[in-house]
Amino acid sequence: MSTNDCIFCGIISHTLSADIVSEDEFSVAFLDHRPVFPGHVLLCPREHFETLNDLPAGLAGPMLLKTQLLARAVETALGAHGTFVAINNRVSQTVPHLHIHVVPRRRKDGLRGFFWPRQKYENDAVREQIRSAIAREVERLSKNS
């Protein structure tokens, strides 16, 4: 998808309308048009990056700081008890432009845990094999960055 076809790029450039709650040099935040709960905010980097994996390291800090700010703002503004913060990478990502969901939460609001079924590891050895593989990859990626 080119940035010309991206709905979020259109919102960021103000060629498409949206209920913007915050803008800065790095990002734009706006209300989701189909919220999980009222006050559900989407935070996007101004530049078009499809997934979190594509986001340059230099933007990770500003994006997370803005996420913190939005979470505090949503809680305070709406009297929410907390927030649910999420990022989808490709799977369940309806718009292929990185966006962070900040969803207001209230106790007993009906949203239960994660949106997918949980499962157990086959055994401790399988769990350790997976843990070790991920740890090795983290180490490898950290050395190359």
Protein backbone atom coordinates (compact mmCIF):
# COMPACT_ATOMS: atom_id res chain seq x y z
CA MET A 1 0.00 0.00 0.00
CA SER A 2 1.35 3.41 -0.87
CA THR A 3 1.02 6.32 1.52
CA ASN A 4 -1.40 7.85 -1.01
CA ASP A 5 -3.82 4.98 -0.31
CA CYS A 6 -3.35 4.95 3.48
CA ILE A 7 -6.34 6.20 5.45
CA PHE A 8 -4.15 7.18 8.40
CA CYS A 9 -1.73 9.10 6.17
CA GLY A 10 -4.80 10.99 4.92
CA ILE A 11 -5.80 11.81 8.49
CA ILE A 12 -2.25 12.86 9.38
CA SER A 13 -2.06 15.18 6.35
CA HIS A 14 -5.54 16.53 7.13
CA THR A 15 -6.90 15.49 3.74
CA LEU A 16 -9.29 13.14 5.58
CA SER A 17 -11.20 14.27 8.63
CA ALA A 18 -10.85 12.71 12.04
CA ASP A 19 -11.41 13.63 15.67
CA ILE A 20 -7.81 14.55 16.49
CA VAL A 21 -6.97 14.72 20.18
CA SER A 22 -3.24 15.48 19.90
CA GLU A 23 -0.54 16.31 17.36
CA ASP A 24 3.17 16.85 17.68
CA GLU A 25 6.19 16.66 15.41
CA PHE A 26 6.29 12.84 15.63
CA SER A 27 2.68 11.70 15.88
CA VAL A 28 -1.03 12.29 15.54
CA ALA A 29 -3.66 10.85 17.89
CA PHE A 30 -7.36 10.65 17.07
CA LEU A 31 -10.51 8.88 18.18
CA ASP A 32 -11.15 5.48 16.65
CA HIS A 33 -14.31 5.73 14.53
CA ARG A 34 -15.42 2.29 15.80
CA PRO A 35 -14.24 2.30 19.41
CA VAL A 36 -14.12 -0.63 21.78
CA PHE A 37 -15.35 1.94 24.34
CA PRO A 38 -15.92 5.68 23.90
CA GLY A 39 -12.60 7.48 24.19
CA HIS A 40 -10.66 4.75 22.32
CA VAL A 41 -7.71 6.67 20.82
CA LEU A 42 -5.36 5.67 18.01
CA LEU A 43 -1.81 7.07 18.02
CA CYS A 44 0.10 7.01 14.71
CA PRO A 45 3.57 8.14 13.76
CA ARG A 46 3.46 10.95 11.19
CA GLU A 47 5.68 8.92 8.86
CA HIS A 48 4.20 5.82 7.27
CA PHE A 49 5.55 2.68 8.94
CA GLU A 50 3.48 -0.46 8.52
CA THR A 51 4.35 -2.21 11.79
CA LEU A 52 6.18 -1.72 15.06
CA ASN A 53 9.07 -3.68 13.53
CA ASP A 54 9.44 -0.95 10.89
CA LEU A 55 9.53 1.95 13.36
CA PRO A 56 13.04 3.47 13.62
CA ALA A 57 14.58 3.24 17.08
CA GLY A 58 14.72 7.04 17.30
CA LEU A 59 10.92 7.22 17.17
CA ALA A 60 10.25 4.44 19.68
CA GLY A 61 10.90 6.68 22.69
CA PRO A 62 8.74 9.59 21.53
CA MET A 63 5.92 7.20 20.57
CA LEU A 64 5.98 5.46 23.95
CA LEU A 65 6.13 8.77 25.82
CA LYS A 66 3.10 9.99 23.86
CA THR A 67 1.34 6.70 24.64
CA GLN A 68 1.94 7.30 28.36
CA LEU A 69 0.59 10.82 28.04
CA LEU A 70 -2.51 9.63 26.19
CA ALA A 71 -3.14 6.85 28.71
CA ARG A 72 -3.03 9.38 31.55
CA ALA A 73 -5.20 11.81 29.60
CA VAL A 74 -7.82 9.19 28.73
CA GLU A 75 -8.02 7.97 32.33
CA THR A 76 -8.32 11.47 33.78
CA ALA A 77 -10.59 12.95 31.12
CA LEU A 78 -13.04 10.04 31.20
CA GLY A 79 -12.77 9.01 34.83
CA ALA A 80 -11.56 5.61 33.64
CA HIS A 81 -10.01 3.18 36.10
CA GLY A 82 -7.23 2.36 33.64
CA THR A 83 -6.43 1.76 30.00
CA PHE A 84 -5.75 -1.10 27.63
CA VAL A 85 -2.80 -0.33 25.33
CA ALA A 86 -2.23 -2.52 22.27
CA ILE A 87 -0.47 -2.75 18.92
CA ASN A 88 -1.33 -5.23 16.19
CA ASN A 89 1.42 -6.21 13.74
CA ARG A 90 -0.17 -7.39 10.49
CA VAL A 91 -2.60 -9.91 12.03
CA SER A 92 -5.78 -8.02 13.04
CA GLN A 93 -4.20 -4.78 11.80
CA THR A 94 -7.03 -3.33 9.71
CA VAL A 95 -5.00 -0.33 8.51
CA PRO A 96 -1.39 -1.10 7.53
CA HIS A 97 0.03 1.99 9.25
CA LEU A 98 1.47 1.50 12.73
CA HIS A 99 -1.03 2.61 15.35
CA ILE A 100 -1.24 2.21 19.09
CA HIS A 101 -4.65 1.67 20.66
CA VAL A 102 -5.32 3.42 23.97
CA VAL A 103 -8.66 2.15 25.23
CA PRO A 104 -10.30 3.42 28.44
CA ARG A 105 -11.15 0.65 30.91
CA ARG A 106 -13.47 0.45 33.86
CA ARG A 107 -13.86 -2.39 36.31
CA LYS A 108 -16.60 -4.76 35.16
CA ASP A 109 -16.75 -3.12 31.70
CA GLY A 110 -17.27 -6.51 30.07
CA LEU A 111 -13.89 -6.71 28.31
CA ARG A 112 -12.28 -9.91 29.51
CA GLY A 113 -8.58 -10.62 29.26
CA PHE A 114 -7.09 -11.08 25.84
CA PHE A 115 -9.07 -11.44 22.64
CA TRP A 116 -7.63 -14.84 21.75
CA PRO A 117 -7.73 -18.26 23.43
CA ARG A 118 -4.95 -19.17 25.83
CA GLN A 119 -3.04 -22.43 25.72
CA LYS A 120 -0.44 -24.20 27.83
CA TYR A 121 3.02 -25.26 26.78
CA GLU A 122 3.34 -28.94 25.98
CA ASN A 123 5.92 -29.32 28.76
CA ASP A 124 8.75 -27.48 30.52
CA ALA A 125 11.31 -28.51 27.92
CA VAL A 126 9.27 -27.02 25.08
CA ARG A 127 8.73 -23.84 27.09
CA GLU A 128 12.49 -23.54 27.72
CA GLN A 129 13.29 -24.21 24.05
CA ILE A 130 10.99 -21.37 23.01
CA ARG A 131 12.27 -19.04 25.74
CA SER A 132 15.86 -19.75 24.75
CA ALA A 133 15.19 -19.20 21.03
CA ILE A 134 13.58 -15.83 21.71
CA ALA A 135 16.37 -14.80 24.10
CA ARG A 136 19.02 -15.68 21.51
CA GLU A 137 17.21 -13.63 18.87
CA VAL A 138 16.90 -10.66 21.22
CA GLU A 139 20.64 -10.88 21.86
CA ARG A 140 21.41 -11.14 18.14
CA LEU A 141 19.19 -8.19 17.24
CA SER A 142 20.60 -6.09 20.11
CA LYS A 143 24.16 -6.61 18.86
CA ASN A 144 23.19 -5.60 15.31
CA SER A 145 21.38 -2.40 16.27
